[in-house]
N, C-alpha and C. Protein backbone atom coordinates (compact mmCIF):
# COMPACT_ATOMS: atom_id res chain seq x y z
N VAL A 1 28.11 7.30 18.03
CA VAL A 1 28.37 6.20 17.08
C VAL A 1 27.47 6.39 15.89
N GLN A 2 28.02 6.43 14.72
CA GLN A 2 27.16 6.75 13.58
C GLN A 2 26.80 5.51 12.77
N LEU A 3 27.60 4.41 12.91
CA LEU A 3 27.28 3.21 12.25
C LEU A 3 27.31 2.07 13.19
N VAL A 4 26.28 1.28 13.23
CA VAL A 4 26.24 0.13 14.15
C VAL A 4 25.84 -1.06 13.37
N GLU A 5 26.79 -2.07 13.29
CA GLU A 5 26.57 -3.29 12.54
C GLU A 5 26.18 -4.38 13.56
N SER A 6 25.39 -5.27 13.05
CA SER A 6 24.96 -6.48 13.90
C SER A 6 24.53 -7.61 13.00
N GLY A 7 24.38 -8.77 13.60
CA GLY A 7 23.80 -9.89 12.94
C GLY A 7 24.80 -10.98 12.52
N GLY A 8 26.12 -10.77 12.82
CA GLY A 8 27.06 -11.75 12.50
C GLY A 8 27.01 -12.92 13.40
N GLY A 9 27.77 -13.91 13.10
CA GLY A 9 27.83 -15.13 13.96
C GLY A 9 28.55 -16.31 13.29
N LEU A 10 28.39 -17.47 13.88
CA LEU A 10 29.09 -18.65 13.39
C LEU A 10 28.02 -19.43 12.62
N VAL A 11 28.31 -19.77 11.40
CA VAL A 11 27.33 -20.48 10.57
C VAL A 11 28.03 -21.56 9.72
N GLN A 12 27.38 -22.69 9.47
CA GLN A 12 28.01 -23.71 8.61
C GLN A 12 27.96 -23.32 7.18
N PRO A 13 28.90 -23.90 6.43
CA PRO A 13 28.89 -23.68 4.97
C PRO A 13 27.51 -23.95 4.39
N GLY A 14 27.09 -23.08 3.50
CA GLY A 14 25.78 -23.23 2.98
C GLY A 14 24.69 -22.52 3.68
N GLY A 15 25.00 -22.04 4.92
CA GLY A 15 24.07 -21.39 5.72
C GLY A 15 23.81 -19.94 5.30
N SER A 16 22.94 -19.21 6.09
CA SER A 16 22.61 -17.84 5.78
C SER A 16 22.74 -16.95 7.01
N LEU A 17 22.90 -15.76 6.81
CA LEU A 17 22.90 -14.74 7.83
C LEU A 17 22.37 -13.39 7.26
N ARG A 18 21.75 -12.61 8.10
CA ARG A 18 21.35 -11.25 7.65
C ARG A 18 21.98 -10.21 8.57
N LEU A 19 22.83 -9.40 8.01
CA LEU A 19 23.47 -8.32 8.76
C LEU A 19 22.62 -7.05 8.63
N SER A 20 22.76 -6.28 9.71
CA SER A 20 22.05 -5.01 9.75
C SER A 20 23.07 -3.90 10.08
N CYS A 21 22.75 -2.71 9.50
CA CYS A 21 23.59 -1.54 9.78
C CYS A 21 22.66 -0.38 10.07
N ILE A 22 22.67 0.16 11.27
CA ILE A 22 21.91 1.35 11.63
C ILE A 22 22.77 2.51 11.32
N VAL A 23 22.20 3.36 10.56
CA VAL A 23 22.94 4.62 10.05
C VAL A 23 22.39 5.78 10.75
N ARG A 24 23.12 6.32 11.68
CA ARG A 24 22.63 7.50 12.45
C ARG A 24 22.37 8.62 11.41
N GLY A 25 21.20 9.23 11.57
CA GLY A 25 20.84 10.31 10.63
C GLY A 25 20.21 9.80 9.38
N GLY A 26 20.20 8.56 9.16
CA GLY A 26 19.53 7.99 8.02
C GLY A 26 20.23 8.28 6.71
N PHE A 27 19.51 8.17 5.60
CA PHE A 27 20.05 8.37 4.28
C PHE A 27 18.96 8.84 3.35
N SER A 28 19.35 9.32 2.13
CA SER A 28 18.37 9.86 1.26
C SER A 28 18.71 9.61 -0.16
N ASP A 29 17.84 10.00 -1.04
CA ASP A 29 18.10 9.81 -2.46
C ASP A 29 19.52 10.35 -2.87
N GLY A 30 20.23 9.59 -3.60
CA GLY A 30 21.54 10.04 -4.06
C GLY A 30 22.68 9.59 -3.16
N ASN A 31 22.32 9.15 -1.93
CA ASN A 31 23.35 8.58 -1.09
C ASN A 31 23.74 7.18 -1.58
N ALA A 32 24.89 6.86 -1.28
CA ALA A 32 25.42 5.49 -1.62
C ALA A 32 25.94 4.91 -0.29
N MET A 33 25.57 3.66 -0.08
CA MET A 33 26.04 2.89 1.06
C MET A 33 26.73 1.63 0.55
N GLY A 34 27.59 1.11 1.46
CA GLY A 34 28.32 -0.08 1.06
C GLY A 34 28.48 -1.00 2.26
N TRP A 35 28.67 -2.31 1.96
CA TRP A 35 29.11 -3.25 2.92
C TRP A 35 30.55 -3.66 2.50
N PHE A 36 31.43 -3.74 3.55
CA PHE A 36 32.85 -4.04 3.36
C PHE A 36 33.18 -5.23 4.25
N ARG A 37 34.25 -5.90 3.92
CA ARG A 37 34.67 -6.94 4.78
C ARG A 37 36.17 -6.97 4.89
N GLN A 38 36.64 -7.50 6.06
CA GLN A 38 38.06 -7.63 6.19
C GLN A 38 38.41 -8.96 6.78
N ALA A 39 39.10 -9.81 6.05
CA ALA A 39 39.47 -11.13 6.51
C ALA A 39 40.79 -10.94 7.19
N PRO A 40 41.16 -11.96 8.06
CA PRO A 40 42.40 -11.92 8.79
C PRO A 40 43.59 -11.77 7.80
N GLY A 41 44.46 -10.81 8.05
CA GLY A 41 45.61 -10.65 7.23
C GLY A 41 45.42 -10.04 5.91
N LYS A 42 44.19 -9.57 5.62
CA LYS A 42 43.85 -8.97 4.31
C LYS A 42 43.33 -7.53 4.52
N VAL A 43 43.37 -6.81 3.40
CA VAL A 43 42.80 -5.44 3.46
C VAL A 43 41.30 -5.44 3.37
N ARG A 44 40.73 -4.42 3.94
CA ARG A 44 39.28 -4.28 3.84
C ARG A 44 38.88 -4.04 2.33
N GLU A 45 37.85 -4.80 2.05
CA GLU A 45 37.33 -4.62 0.71
C GLU A 45 35.87 -4.39 0.55
N LEU A 46 35.46 -3.66 -0.50
CA LEU A 46 34.09 -3.41 -0.72
C LEU A 46 33.48 -4.69 -1.25
N VAL A 47 32.34 -5.06 -0.79
CA VAL A 47 31.66 -6.31 -1.14
C VAL A 47 30.42 -5.94 -2.03
N THR A 48 29.69 -4.92 -1.62
CA THR A 48 28.46 -4.59 -2.30
C THR A 48 28.09 -3.13 -1.98
N SER A 49 27.39 -2.42 -2.91
CA SER A 49 27.01 -1.10 -2.70
C SER A 49 25.59 -0.92 -3.19
N ILE A 50 24.95 0.20 -2.66
CA ILE A 50 23.64 0.51 -3.07
C ILE A 50 23.50 2.04 -3.16
N VAL A 51 23.05 2.46 -4.31
CA VAL A 51 22.80 3.90 -4.54
C VAL A 51 21.30 4.04 -4.32
N ILE A 52 20.96 4.93 -3.31
CA ILE A 52 19.57 5.11 -2.90
C ILE A 52 18.83 5.96 -3.97
N ASN A 53 17.78 5.47 -4.45
CA ASN A 53 16.94 6.18 -5.53
C ASN A 53 15.53 5.73 -5.38
N SER A 54 14.66 6.77 -5.18
CA SER A 54 13.28 6.45 -4.98
C SER A 54 12.63 5.72 -6.22
N SER A 55 13.25 5.91 -7.34
CA SER A 55 12.77 5.27 -8.53
C SER A 55 13.32 3.87 -8.74
N GLY A 56 14.25 3.52 -7.90
CA GLY A 56 14.77 2.21 -8.03
C GLY A 56 16.27 2.24 -7.67
N ASP A 57 16.58 1.56 -6.60
CA ASP A 57 18.02 1.54 -6.13
C ASP A 57 18.89 0.85 -7.18
N ILE A 58 20.13 1.30 -7.15
CA ILE A 58 21.16 0.66 -8.00
C ILE A 58 22.08 -0.11 -7.12
N THR A 59 22.21 -1.39 -7.36
CA THR A 59 23.11 -2.22 -6.51
C THR A 59 24.27 -2.79 -7.38
N ASN A 60 25.37 -3.06 -6.74
CA ASN A 60 26.51 -3.67 -7.37
C ASN A 60 27.12 -4.70 -6.32
N TYR A 61 27.71 -5.73 -6.93
CA TYR A 61 28.27 -6.79 -6.12
C TYR A 61 29.63 -7.20 -6.69
N VAL A 62 30.58 -7.47 -5.86
CA VAL A 62 31.82 -8.13 -6.39
C VAL A 62 31.51 -9.50 -6.85
N GLU A 63 32.29 -9.98 -7.77
CA GLU A 63 31.99 -11.29 -8.39
C GLU A 63 31.84 -12.46 -7.37
N PRO A 64 32.68 -12.57 -6.43
CA PRO A 64 32.53 -13.74 -5.56
C PRO A 64 31.22 -13.86 -4.77
N VAL A 65 30.51 -12.76 -4.67
CA VAL A 65 29.23 -12.77 -3.88
C VAL A 65 28.01 -12.63 -4.70
N LYS A 66 28.18 -12.47 -6.01
CA LYS A 66 27.02 -12.28 -6.86
C LYS A 66 26.17 -13.54 -6.86
N GLY A 67 24.84 -13.25 -6.75
CA GLY A 67 23.88 -14.35 -6.62
C GLY A 67 23.72 -14.97 -5.28
N ARG A 68 24.60 -14.56 -4.35
CA ARG A 68 24.52 -15.10 -2.93
C ARG A 68 24.14 -14.00 -1.99
N PHE A 69 24.67 -12.85 -2.16
CA PHE A 69 24.40 -11.70 -1.21
C PHE A 69 23.42 -10.72 -1.90
N THR A 70 22.63 -10.05 -1.00
CA THR A 70 21.64 -9.03 -1.40
C THR A 70 21.74 -7.88 -0.44
N ILE A 71 21.96 -6.74 -0.98
CA ILE A 71 21.93 -5.50 -0.14
C ILE A 71 20.62 -4.82 -0.27
N SER A 72 20.07 -4.32 0.77
CA SER A 72 18.77 -3.63 0.78
C SER A 72 18.73 -2.57 1.84
N ARG A 73 17.70 -1.74 1.83
CA ARG A 73 17.60 -0.71 2.83
C ARG A 73 16.22 -0.45 3.29
N ASP A 74 16.01 0.05 4.48
CA ASP A 74 14.74 0.38 5.05
C ASP A 74 14.92 1.85 5.61
N ASN A 75 14.33 2.78 4.83
CA ASN A 75 14.56 4.23 5.28
C ASN A 75 13.86 4.47 6.65
N ALA A 76 12.77 3.89 6.92
CA ALA A 76 11.99 4.14 8.10
C ALA A 76 12.84 3.73 9.31
N LYS A 77 13.67 2.68 9.10
CA LYS A 77 14.44 2.21 10.29
C LYS A 77 15.97 2.69 10.14
N ASN A 78 16.24 3.49 9.17
CA ASN A 78 17.60 4.02 9.04
C ASN A 78 18.56 2.87 8.94
N THR A 79 18.19 1.80 8.26
CA THR A 79 18.97 0.51 8.34
C THR A 79 19.33 0.06 6.91
N VAL A 80 20.50 -0.46 6.74
CA VAL A 80 20.93 -1.11 5.51
C VAL A 80 21.16 -2.56 5.88
N TYR A 81 20.72 -3.42 5.03
CA TYR A 81 20.84 -4.97 5.34
C TYR A 81 21.75 -5.55 4.33
N LEU A 82 22.32 -6.67 4.76
CA LEU A 82 23.08 -7.57 3.83
C LEU A 82 22.59 -8.97 4.11
N GLN A 83 21.83 -9.54 3.19
CA GLN A 83 21.38 -10.90 3.23
C GLN A 83 22.44 -11.73 2.62
N MET A 84 22.92 -12.68 3.29
CA MET A 84 23.98 -13.57 2.82
C MET A 84 23.53 -14.97 2.80
N ASN A 85 23.48 -15.59 1.63
CA ASN A 85 23.08 -16.98 1.54
C ASN A 85 24.19 -17.81 0.96
N SER A 86 24.02 -19.11 1.05
CA SER A 86 25.08 -20.05 0.52
C SER A 86 26.46 -19.64 0.93
N LEU A 87 26.60 -19.38 2.22
CA LEU A 87 27.86 -18.90 2.75
C LEU A 87 29.04 -19.95 2.60
N LYS A 88 30.17 -19.41 2.35
CA LYS A 88 31.40 -20.23 2.15
C LYS A 88 32.42 -19.85 3.20
N PRO A 89 33.37 -20.74 3.45
CA PRO A 89 34.41 -20.43 4.43
C PRO A 89 35.18 -19.15 4.07
N GLU A 90 35.34 -18.95 2.76
CA GLU A 90 36.03 -17.73 2.36
C GLU A 90 35.25 -16.37 2.62
N ASP A 91 34.07 -16.52 3.03
CA ASP A 91 33.29 -15.27 3.40
C ASP A 91 33.60 -14.94 4.83
N THR A 92 34.38 -15.73 5.52
CA THR A 92 34.70 -15.42 6.92
C THR A 92 35.47 -14.05 6.95
N ALA A 93 34.96 -13.13 7.76
CA ALA A 93 35.58 -11.84 7.89
C ALA A 93 34.79 -10.99 8.90
N VAL A 94 35.34 -9.88 9.20
CA VAL A 94 34.55 -8.85 9.98
C VAL A 94 33.89 -8.00 8.90
N TYR A 95 32.63 -7.82 8.96
CA TYR A 95 31.80 -7.04 8.02
C TYR A 95 31.50 -5.67 8.61
N TYR A 96 31.66 -4.60 7.81
CA TYR A 96 31.45 -3.27 8.10
C TYR A 96 30.48 -2.67 7.09
N CYS A 97 29.76 -1.63 7.55
CA CYS A 97 29.05 -0.80 6.50
C CYS A 97 29.62 0.56 6.62
N ASN A 98 29.37 1.34 5.58
CA ASN A 98 29.77 2.76 5.56
C ASN A 98 29.04 3.50 4.49
N VAL A 99 29.08 4.79 4.63
CA VAL A 99 28.54 5.70 3.56
C VAL A 99 29.58 5.84 2.50
N ILE A 100 29.29 5.63 1.31
CA ILE A 100 30.21 5.77 0.18
C ILE A 100 30.10 7.23 -0.40
N TRP A 101 28.85 7.68 -0.48
CA TRP A 101 28.60 9.06 -0.96
C TRP A 101 27.53 9.60 -0.07
N PRO A 102 27.58 10.84 0.47
CA PRO A 102 28.61 11.87 0.03
C PRO A 102 29.97 11.69 0.60
N ARG A 103 30.12 11.06 1.81
CA ARG A 103 31.44 10.99 2.33
C ARG A 103 31.43 9.86 3.35
N PHE A 104 32.59 9.21 3.51
CA PHE A 104 32.80 8.16 4.49
C PHE A 104 32.64 8.71 5.92
N ARG A 105 32.14 7.86 6.79
CA ARG A 105 32.11 8.21 8.20
C ARG A 105 33.14 7.38 8.92
N ASN A 106 33.35 7.62 10.22
CA ASN A 106 34.17 6.79 11.00
C ASN A 106 33.62 5.38 10.96
N TRP A 107 34.53 4.36 10.92
CA TRP A 107 34.05 3.02 10.86
C TRP A 107 33.43 2.62 12.19
N GLY A 108 32.43 1.77 12.10
CA GLY A 108 31.85 1.13 13.29
C GLY A 108 32.70 -0.05 13.81
N GLN A 109 32.17 -0.78 14.73
CA GLN A 109 32.89 -1.91 15.26
C GLN A 109 32.92 -3.16 14.41
N GLY A 110 31.98 -3.14 13.41
CA GLY A 110 31.90 -4.26 12.52
C GLY A 110 31.17 -5.48 13.23
N THR A 111 30.91 -6.53 12.45
CA THR A 111 30.29 -7.73 13.00
C THR A 111 30.98 -8.89 12.42
N GLN A 112 31.40 -9.88 13.24
CA GLN A 112 32.15 -10.98 12.83
C GLN A 112 31.26 -12.07 12.18
N VAL A 113 31.66 -12.51 11.01
CA VAL A 113 30.96 -13.56 10.34
C VAL A 113 32.01 -14.69 10.17
N THR A 114 31.70 -15.86 10.72
CA THR A 114 32.57 -17.03 10.66
C THR A 114 31.81 -18.17 9.99
N VAL A 115 32.36 -18.70 8.89
CA VAL A 115 31.68 -19.79 8.19
C VAL A 115 32.60 -21.01 8.36
N SER A 116 32.12 -21.96 9.09
CA SER A 116 32.93 -23.15 9.41
C SER A 116 32.08 -24.29 9.83
N SER A 117 32.49 -25.45 9.49
CA SER A 117 31.78 -26.63 9.94
C SER A 117 32.36 -27.23 11.26
């Protein structure tokens, strides 16, 4: 298994979760990682990405999560994180991580995030 996601759960609107993704083999400068999500009946979509750079990572977010989600990484732990704050019901989905560059890997099992009161 090359990608292992965890940290999902049931949370009330306005709550927070931190997702983790262990990347087998780790990552290095120039690699790009992303968090994706797939809601019921919808296609999987990219939510945020990070380009690994020792001089300063470059991150991008889709508009609906800007200011609420933060992607980060810990090289020593071979882990990419997704901090999610001010969660909304429309954030409900299965969340996946993957390598964007140099190439995608087989998808992991994902982690379910459910935002509901």
